[in-house]
Amino acid sequence: GVELRRTLTGFKFIGEQIGLLEAAGQKDRYIFG
């Protein structure tokens, strides 16, 4: 039951998704990249 997000190649894009969750006050939703 985990939402899987796919990004372009490069870990900076995974980091960007963490930033988006953090900006929304939801960084704890991130479990692994």
PDB file of all heavy atoms in Angstrom:
ATOM      1  N   GLY A   1       0.790  -1.216   0.000  1.00  0.00           N
ATOM      2  CA  GLY A   1       0.000   0.000   0.000  1.00  0.00           C
ATOM      3  C   GLY A   1       0.824   1.268   0.000  1.00  0.00           C
ATOM      4  O   GLY A   1       0.425   2.290   0.576  1.00  0.00           O
ATOM      5  N   VAL A   2       1.973   1.219  -0.680  1.00  0.00           N
ATOM      6  CA  VAL A   2       2.888   2.358  -0.740  1.00  0.00           C
ATOM      7  C   VAL A   2       2.755   3.045  -2.098  1.00  0.00           C
ATOM      8  O   VAL A   2       2.748   2.383  -3.142  1.00  0.00           O
ATOM      9  CB  VAL A   2       4.351   1.897  -0.530  1.00  0.00           C
ATOM     10  CG1 VAL A   2       5.327   3.055  -0.735  1.00  0.00           C
ATOM     11  CG2 VAL A   2       4.510   1.300   0.864  1.00  0.00           C
ATOM     12  N   GLU A   3       2.644   4.354  -2.099  1.00  0.00           N
ATOM     13  CA  GLU A   3       2.632   5.117  -3.355  1.00  0.00           C
ATOM     14  C   GLU A   3       4.044   5.142  -3.922  1.00  0.00           C
ATOM     15  O   GLU A   3       4.984   5.542  -3.238  1.00  0.00           O
ATOM     16  CB  GLU A   3       2.162   6.550  -3.109  1.00  0.00           C
ATOM     17  CG  GLU A   3       2.197   7.421  -4.364  1.00  0.00           C
ATOM     18  CD  GLU A   3       1.959   8.889  -4.091  1.00  0.00           C
ATOM     19  OE1 GLU A   3       1.497   9.233  -2.974  1.00  0.00           O
ATOM     20  OE2 GLU A   3       2.249   9.716  -4.987  1.00  0.00           O
ATOM     21  N   LEU A   4       4.193   4.722  -5.170  1.00  0.00           N
ATOM     22  CA  LEU A   4       5.503   4.737  -5.821  1.00  0.00           C
ATOM     23  C   LEU A   4       5.552   5.883  -6.815  1.00  0.00           C
ATOM     24  O   LEU A   4       4.741   5.960  -7.735  1.00  0.00           O
ATOM     25  CB  LEU A   4       5.766   3.408  -6.545  1.00  0.00           C
ATOM     26  CG  LEU A   4       7.109   3.313  -7.284  1.00  0.00           C
ATOM     27  CD1 LEU A   4       8.274   3.414  -6.305  1.00  0.00           C
ATOM     28  CD2 LEU A   4       7.191   2.020  -8.089  1.00  0.00           C
ATOM     29  N   ARG A   5       6.513   6.769  -6.643  1.00  0.00           N
ATOM     30  CA  ARG A   5       6.721   7.867  -7.568  1.00  0.00           C
ATOM     31  C   ARG A   5       8.000   7.607  -8.362  1.00  0.00           C
ATOM     32  O   ARG A   5       9.009   7.185  -7.805  1.00  0.00           O
ATOM     33  CB  ARG A   5       6.849   9.199  -6.806  1.00  0.00           C
ATOM     34  CG  ARG A   5       5.617   9.556  -5.997  1.00  0.00           C
ATOM     35  CD  ARG A   5       5.764  10.912  -5.311  1.00  0.00           C
ATOM     36  NE  ARG A   5       4.584  11.239  -4.503  1.00  0.00           N
ATOM     37  CZ  ARG A   5       4.440  12.365  -3.814  1.00  0.00           C
ATOM     38  NH1 ARG A   5       5.428  13.287  -3.839  1.00  0.00           N
ATOM     39  NH2 ARG A   5       3.344  12.589  -3.100  1.00  0.00           N
ATOM     40  N   ARG A   6       7.928   7.880  -9.664  1.00  0.00           N
ATOM     41  CA  ARG A   6       9.103   7.727 -10.528  1.00  0.00           C
ATOM     42  C   ARG A   6       9.529   9.092 -11.051  1.00  0.00           C
ATOM     43  O   ARG A   6       8.704   9.901 -11.443  1.00  0.00           O
ATOM     44  CB  ARG A   6       8.813   6.767 -11.682  1.00  0.00           C
ATOM     45  CG  ARG A   6       8.678   5.309 -11.225  1.00  0.00           C
ATOM     46  CD  ARG A   6       8.655   4.339 -12.391  1.00  0.00           C
ATOM     47  NE  ARG A   6       8.504   2.971 -11.940  1.00  0.00           N
ATOM     48  CZ  ARG A   6       9.508   2.148 -11.644  1.00  0.00           C
ATOM     49  NH1 ARG A   6      10.763   2.572 -11.784  1.00  0.00           N
ATOM     50  NH2 ARG A   6       9.290   0.913 -11.238  1.00  0.00           N
ATOM     51  N   THR A   7      10.842   9.295 -11.036  1.00  0.00           N
ATOM     52  CA  THR A   7      11.411  10.568 -11.467  1.00  0.00           C
ATOM     53  C   THR A   7      12.354  10.344 -12.644  1.00  0.00           C
ATOM     54  O   THR A   7      12.639   9.205 -13.030  1.00  0.00           O
ATOM     55  CB  THR A   7      12.214  11.218 -10.329  1.00  0.00           C
ATOM     56  OG1 THR A   7      13.423  10.453 -10.111  1.00  0.00           O
ATOM     57  CG2 THR A   7      11.416  11.250  -9.030  1.00  0.00           C
ATOM     58  N   LEU A   8      12.863  11.435 -13.184  1.00  0.00           N
ATOM     59  CA  LEU A   8      13.924  11.324 -14.176  1.00  0.00           C
ATOM     60  C   LEU A   8      15.185  10.776 -13.511  1.00  0.00           C
ATOM     61  O   LEU A   8      15.298  10.722 -12.283  1.00  0.00           O
ATOM     62  CB  LEU A   8      14.215  12.683 -14.799  1.00  0.00           C
ATOM     63  CG  LEU A   8      13.071  13.332 -15.594  1.00  0.00           C
ATOM     64  CD1 LEU A   8      13.519  14.676 -16.146  1.00  0.00           C
ATOM     65  CD2 LEU A   8      12.591  12.423 -16.717  1.00  0.00           C
ATOM     66  N   THR A   9      16.148  10.361 -14.323  1.00  0.00           N
ATOM     67  CA  THR A   9      17.388   9.779 -13.821  1.00  0.00           C
ATOM     68  C   THR A   9      18.198  10.806 -13.046  1.00  0.00           C
ATOM     69  O   THR A   9      18.396  11.930 -13.499  1.00  0.00           O
ATOM     70  CB  THR A   9      18.225   9.239 -14.986  1.00  0.00           C
ATOM     71  OG1 THR A   9      17.412   8.361 -15.760  1.00  0.00           O
ATOM     72  CG2 THR A   9      19.433   8.487 -14.488  1.00  0.00           C
ATOM     73  N   GLY A  10      18.680  10.413 -11.880  1.00  0.00           N
ATOM     74  CA  GLY A  10      19.474  11.299 -11.043  1.00  0.00           C
ATOM     75  C   GLY A  10      18.858  11.427  -9.665  1.00  0.00           C
ATOM     76  O   GLY A  10      17.655  11.693  -9.535  1.00  0.00           O
ATOM     77  N   PHE A  11      19.677  11.253  -8.635  1.00  0.00           N
ATOM     78  CA  PHE A  11      19.130  11.254  -7.277  1.00  0.00           C
ATOM     79  C   PHE A  11      18.615  12.625  -6.863  1.00  0.00           C
ATOM     80  O   PHE A  11      17.791  12.749  -5.957  1.00  0.00           O
ATOM     81  CB  PHE A  11      20.174  10.765  -6.261  1.00  0.00           C
ATOM     82  CG  PHE A  11      19.572   9.976  -5.135  1.00  0.00           C
ATOM     83  CD1 PHE A  11      19.519   8.599  -5.191  1.00  0.00           C
ATOM     84  CD2 PHE A  11      19.028  10.611  -4.024  1.00  0.00           C
ATOM     85  CE1 PHE A  11      18.936   7.868  -4.165  1.00  0.00           C
ATOM     86  CE2 PHE A  11      18.451   9.885  -2.994  1.00  0.00           C
ATOM     87  CZ  PHE A  11      18.400   8.523  -3.063  1.00  0.00           C
ATOM     88  N   LYS A  12      19.067  13.677  -7.560  1.00  0.00           N
ATOM     89  CA  LYS A  12      18.566  15.016  -7.228  1.00  0.00           C
ATOM     90  C   LYS A  12      17.048  15.093  -7.413  1.00  0.00           C
ATOM     91  O   LYS A  12      16.368  15.855  -6.707  1.00  0.00           O
ATOM     92  CB  LYS A  12      19.250  16.079  -8.079  1.00  0.00           C
ATOM     93  CG  LYS A  12      18.942  15.995  -9.575  1.00  0.00           C
ATOM     94  CD  LYS A  12      19.660  17.086 -10.345  1.00  0.00           C
ATOM     95  CE  LYS A  12      19.330  17.021 -11.837  1.00  0.00           C
ATOM     96  NZ  LYS A  12      20.031  18.101 -12.589  1.00  0.00           N
ATOM     97  N   PHE A  13      16.524  14.298  -8.341  1.00  0.00           N
ATOM     98  CA  PHE A  13      15.080  14.313  -8.574  1.00  0.00           C
ATOM     99  C   PHE A  13      14.335  13.571  -7.462  1.00  0.00           C
ATOM    100  O   PHE A  13      13.198  13.924  -7.125  1.00  0.00           O
ATOM    101  CB  PHE A  13      14.749  13.708  -9.935  1.00  0.00           C
ATOM    102  CG  PHE A  13      15.250  14.532 -11.087  1.00  0.00           C
ATOM    103  CD1 PHE A  13      16.301  14.089 -11.873  1.00  0.00           C
ATOM    104  CD2 PHE A  13      14.678  15.759 -11.377  1.00  0.00           C
ATOM    105  CE1 PHE A  13      16.779  14.848 -12.932  1.00  0.00           C
ATOM    106  CE2 PHE A  13      15.143  16.532 -12.436  1.00  0.00           C
ATOM    107  CZ  PHE A  13      16.198  16.076 -13.212  1.00  0.00           C
ATOM    108  N   ILE A  14      14.977  12.541  -6.895  1.00  0.00           N
ATOM    109  CA  ILE A  14      14.400  11.875  -5.728  1.00  0.00           C
ATOM    110  C   ILE A  14      14.408  12.844  -4.552  1.00  0.00           C
ATOM    111  O   ILE A  14      13.426  12.968  -3.811  1.00  0.00           O
ATOM    112  CB  ILE A  14      15.173  10.582  -5.396  1.00  0.00           C
ATOM    113  CG1 ILE A  14      15.055   9.578  -6.554  1.00  0.00           C
ATOM    114  CG2 ILE A  14      14.666   9.970  -4.084  1.00  0.00           C
ATOM    115  CD1 ILE A  14      15.862   8.311  -6.370  1.00  0.00           C
ATOM    116  N   GLY A  15      15.524  13.573  -4.400  1.00  0.00           N
ATOM    117  CA  GLY A  15      15.599  14.596  -3.362  1.00  0.00           C
ATOM    118  C   GLY A  15      14.543  15.670  -3.531  1.00  0.00           C
ATOM    119  O   GLY A  15      13.995  16.188  -2.552  1.00  0.00           O
ATOM    120  N   GLU A  16      14.238  15.989  -4.777  1.00  0.00           N
ATOM    121  CA  GLU A  16      13.201  16.985  -5.055  1.00  0.00           C
ATOM    122  C   GLU A  16      11.847  16.528  -4.523  1.00  0.00           C
ATOM    123  O   GLU A  16      11.076  17.328  -3.976  1.00  0.00           O
ATOM    124  CB  GLU A  16      13.125  17.231  -6.556  1.00  0.00           C
ATOM    125  CG  GLU A  16      12.107  18.273  -6.978  1.00  0.00           C
ATOM    126  CD  GLU A  16      12.077  18.478  -8.485  1.00  0.00           C
ATOM    127  OE1 GLU A  16      11.921  17.464  -9.220  1.00  0.00           O
ATOM    128  OE2 GLU A  16      12.238  19.622  -8.923  1.00  0.00           O
ATOM    129  N   GLN A  17      11.555  15.236  -4.673  1.00  0.00           N
ATOM    130  CA  GLN A  17      10.289  14.706  -4.155  1.00  0.00           C
ATOM    131  C   GLN A  17      10.232  14.793  -2.632  1.00  0.00           C
ATOM    132  O   GLN A  17       9.174  15.084  -2.056  1.00  0.00           O
ATOM    133  CB  GLN A  17      10.095  13.258  -4.614  1.00  0.00           C
ATOM    134  CG  GLN A  17       9.835  13.104  -6.100  1.00  0.00           C
ATOM    135  CD  GLN A  17       8.550  13.787  -6.530  1.00  0.00           C
ATOM    136  OE1 GLN A  17       7.508  13.661  -5.883  1.00  0.00           O
ATOM    137  NE2 GLN A  17       8.615  14.518  -7.633  1.00  0.00           N
ATOM    138  N   ILE A  18      11.357  14.553  -1.981  1.00  0.00           N
ATOM    139  CA  ILE A  18      11.409  14.709  -0.521  1.00  0.00           C
ATOM    140  C   ILE A  18      11.110  16.153  -0.153  1.00  0.00           C
ATOM    141  O   ILE A  18      10.351  16.442   0.775  1.00  0.00           O
ATOM    142  CB  ILE A  18      12.789  14.288   0.024  1.00  0.00           C
ATOM    143  CG1 ILE A  18      13.067  12.817  -0.278  1.00  0.00           C
ATOM    144  CG2 ILE A  18      12.855  14.526   1.534  1.00  0.00           C
ATOM    145  CD1 ILE A  18      14.480  12.371   0.070  1.00  0.00           C
ATOM    146  N   GLY A  19      11.709  17.091  -0.912  1.00  0.00           N
ATOM    147  CA  GLY A  19      11.479  18.507  -0.664  1.00  0.00           C
ATOM    148  C   GLY A  19      10.020  18.896  -0.822  1.00  0.00           C
ATOM    149  O   GLY A  19       9.493  19.708  -0.048  1.00  0.00           O
ATOM    150  N   LEU A  20       9.363  18.321  -1.823  1.00  0.00           N
ATOM    151  CA  LEU A  20       7.953  18.618  -2.037  1.00  0.00           C
ATOM    152  C   LEU A  20       7.098  18.112  -0.882  1.00  0.00           C
ATOM    153  O   LEU A  20       6.163  18.790  -0.431  1.00  0.00           O
ATOM    154  CB  LEU A  20       7.481  17.988  -3.352  1.00  0.00           C
ATOM    155  CG  LEU A  20       8.061  18.593  -4.635  1.00  0.00           C
ATOM    156  CD1 LEU A  20       7.656  17.761  -5.850  1.00  0.00           C
ATOM    157  CD2 LEU A  20       7.593  20.041  -4.798  1.00  0.00           C
ATOM    158  N   LEU A  21       7.412  16.918  -0.389  1.00  0.00           N
ATOM    159  CA  LEU A  21       6.686  16.384   0.760  1.00  0.00           C
ATOM    160  C   LEU A  21       6.936  17.240   1.995  1.00  0.00           C
ATOM    161  O   LEU A  21       6.013  17.522   2.769  1.00  0.00           O
ATOM    162  CB  LEU A  21       7.106  14.934   1.021  1.00  0.00           C
ATOM    163  CG  LEU A  21       6.615  13.893   0.008  1.00  0.00           C
ATOM    164  CD1 LEU A  21       7.318  12.561   0.225  1.00  0.00           C
ATOM    165  CD2 LEU A  21       5.106  13.711   0.106  1.00  0.00           C
ATOM    166  N   GLU A  22       8.182  17.668   2.176  1.00  0.00           N
ATOM    167  CA  GLU A  22       8.526  18.507   3.326  1.00  0.00           C
ATOM    168  C   GLU A  22       7.784  19.841   3.259  1.00  0.00           C
ATOM    169  O   GLU A  22       7.261  20.330   4.268  1.00  0.00           O
ATOM    170  CB  GLU A  22      10.031  18.736   3.368  1.00  0.00           C
ATOM    171  CG  GLU A  22      10.512  19.485   4.614  1.00  0.00           C
ATOM    172  CD  GLU A  22      12.014  19.564   4.668  1.00  0.00           C
ATOM    173  OE1 GLU A  22      12.621  20.062   3.694  1.00  0.00           O
ATOM    174  OE2 GLU A  22      12.586  19.146   5.691  1.00  0.00           O
ATOM    175  N   ALA A  23       7.724  20.427   2.065  1.00  0.00           N
ATOM    176  CA  ALA A  23       7.039  21.711   1.897  1.00  0.00           C
ATOM    177  C   ALA A  23       5.557  21.598   2.224  1.00  0.00           C
ATOM    178  O   ALA A  23       4.926  22.570   2.656  1.00  0.00           O
ATOM    179  CB  ALA A  23       7.228  22.219   0.469  1.00  0.00           C
ATOM    180  N   ALA A  24       5.014  20.404   2.009  1.00  0.00           N
ATOM    181  CA  ALA A  24       3.597  20.172   2.306  1.00  0.00           C
ATOM    182  C   ALA A  24       3.379  19.715   3.750  1.00  0.00           C
ATOM    183  O   ALA A  24       2.254  19.366   4.130  1.00  0.00           O
ATOM    184  CB  ALA A  24       3.039  19.131   1.342  1.00  0.00           C
ATOM    185  N   GLY A  25       4.460  19.693   4.538  1.00  0.00           N
ATOM    186  CA  GLY A  25       4.367  19.239   5.919  1.00  0.00           C
ATOM    187  C   GLY A  25       4.170  17.748   6.041  1.00  0.00           C
ATOM    188  O   GLY A  25       3.614  17.263   7.032  1.00  0.00           O
ATOM    189  N   GLN A  26       4.654  16.989   5.021  1.00  0.00           N
ATOM    190  CA  GLN A  26       4.410  15.549   4.981  1.00  0.00           C
ATOM    191  C   GLN A  26       5.696  14.741   4.790  1.00  0.00           C
ATOM    192  O   GLN A  26       5.662  13.649   4.235  1.00  0.00           O
ATOM    193  CB  GLN A  26       3.449  15.226   3.833  1.00  0.00           C
ATOM    194  CG  GLN A  26       2.106  15.930   3.920  1.00  0.00           C
ATOM    195  CD  GLN A  26       1.253  15.706   2.686  1.00  0.00           C
ATOM    196  OE1 GLN A  26       1.720  15.229   1.651  1.00  0.00           O
ATOM    197  NE2 GLN A  26      -0.024  16.056   2.776  1.00  0.00           N
ATOM    198  N   LYS A  27       6.833  15.239   5.247  1.00  0.00           N
ATOM    199  CA  LYS A  27       8.092  14.544   4.975  1.00  0.00           C
ATOM    200  C   LYS A  27       8.142  13.145   5.595  1.00  0.00           C
ATOM    201  O   LYS A  27       8.866  12.272   5.116  1.00  0.00           O
ATOM    202  CB  LYS A  27       9.281  15.373   5.440  1.00  0.00           C
ATOM    203  CG  LYS A  27       9.467  15.480   6.936  1.00  0.00           C
ATOM    204  CD  LYS A  27      10.752  16.234   7.258  1.00  0.00           C
ATOM    205  CE  LYS A  27      10.996  16.286   8.762  1.00  0.00           C
ATOM    206  NZ  LYS A  27      12.264  16.996   9.085  1.00  0.00           N
ATOM    207  N   ASP A  28       7.353  12.918   6.652  1.00  0.00           N
ATOM    208  CA  ASP A  28       7.344  11.593   7.282  1.00  0.00           C
ATOM    209  C   ASP A  28       6.725  10.532   6.382  1.00  0.00           C
ATOM    210  O   ASP A  28       6.890   9.334   6.637  1.00  0.00           O
ATOM    211  CB  ASP A  28       6.601  11.637   8.609  1.00  0.00           C
ATOM    212  CG  ASP A  28       7.363  12.403   9.685  1.00  0.00           C
ATOM    213  OD1 ASP A  28       8.577  12.613   9.497  1.00  0.00           O
ATOM    214  OD2 ASP A  28       6.738  12.799  10.691  1.00  0.00           O
ATOM    215  N   ARG A  29       6.000  10.952   5.333  1.00  0.00           N
ATOM    216  CA  ARG A  29       5.426   9.979   4.396  1.00  0.00           C
ATOM    217  C   ARG A  29       6.523   9.276   3.595  1.00  0.00           C
ATOM    218  O   ARG A  29       6.335   8.151   3.122  1.00  0.00           O
ATOM    219  CB  ARG A  29       4.468  10.667   3.426  1.00  0.00           C
ATOM    220  CG  ARG A  29       3.166  11.161   4.050  1.00  0.00           C
ATOM    221  CD  ARG A  29       2.318  11.864   2.998  1.00  0.00           C
ATOM    222  NE  ARG A  29       1.980  10.956   1.902  1.00  0.00           N
ATOM    223  CZ  ARG A  29       1.559  11.354   0.700  1.00  0.00           C
ATOM    224  NH1 ARG A  29       1.457  12.647   0.437  1.00  0.00           N
ATOM    225  NH2 ARG A  29       1.250  10.469  -0.236  1.00  0.00           N
ATOM    226  N   TYR A  30       7.661   9.922   3.418  1.00  0.00           N
ATOM    227  CA  TYR A  30       8.756   9.353   2.624  1.00  0.00           C
ATOM    228  C   TYR A  30       9.430   8.237   3.416  1.00  0.00           C
ATOM    229  O   TYR A  30       9.897   8.448   4.540  1.00  0.00           O
ATOM    230  CB  TYR A  30       9.769  10.438   2.286  1.00  0.00           C
ATOM    231  CG  TYR A  30      11.031   9.919   1.625  1.00  0.00           C
ATOM    232  CD1 TYR A  30      11.070   9.664   0.256  1.00  0.00           C
ATOM    233  CD2 TYR A  30      12.178   9.670   2.366  1.00  0.00           C
ATOM    234  CE1 TYR A  30      12.216   9.184  -0.341  1.00  0.00           C
ATOM    235  CE2 TYR A  30      13.331   9.187   1.771  1.00  0.00           C
ATOM    236  CZ  TYR A  30      13.346   8.946   0.421  1.00  0.00           C
ATOM    237  OH  TYR A  30      14.484   8.465  -0.162  1.00  0.00           O
ATOM    238  N   ILE A  31       9.480   7.036   2.819  1.00  0.00           N
ATOM    239  CA  ILE A  31      10.101   5.911   3.534  1.00  0.00           C
ATOM    240  C   ILE A  31      11.369   5.393   2.863  1.00  0.00           C
ATOM    241  O   ILE A  31      12.248   4.844   3.530  1.00  0.00           O
ATOM    242  CB  ILE A  31       9.112   4.741   3.724  1.00  0.00           C
ATOM    243  CG1 ILE A  31       8.624   4.191   2.371  1.00  0.00           C
ATOM    244  CG2 ILE A  31       7.935   5.163   4.602  1.00  0.00           C
ATOM    245  CD1 ILE A  31       7.858   2.881   2.493  1.00  0.00           C
ATOM    246  N   PHE A  32      11.500   5.579   1.534  1.00  0.00           N
ATOM    247  CA  PHE A  32      12.694   5.041   0.869  1.00  0.00           C
ATOM    248  C   PHE A  32      12.773   5.560  -0.551  1.00  0.00           C
ATOM    249  O   PHE A  32      11.745   5.760  -1.211  1.00  0.00           O
ATOM    250  CB  PHE A  32      12.650   3.512   0.836  1.00  0.00           C
ATOM    251  CG  PHE A  32      13.931   2.859   0.388  1.00  0.00           C
ATOM    252  CD1 PHE A  32      15.134   3.142   1.004  1.00  0.00           C
ATOM    253  CD2 PHE A  32      13.938   1.942  -0.657  1.00  0.00           C
ATOM    254  CE1 PHE A  32      16.319   2.537   0.605  1.00  0.00           C
ATOM    255  CE2 PHE A  32      15.115   1.328  -1.070  1.00  0.00           C
ATOM    256  CZ  PHE A  32      16.311   1.626  -0.434  1.00  0.00           C
ATOM    257  N   GLY A  33      13.998   5.779  -1.010  1.00  0.00           N
ATOM    258  CA  GLY A  33      14.247   6.129  -2.399  1.00  0.00           C
ATOM    259  C   GLY A  33      15.485   5.404  -2.887  1.00  0.00           C
ATOM    260  O   GLY A  33      16.439   5.190  -2.126  1.00  0.00           O
TER     261      GLY A  33
END
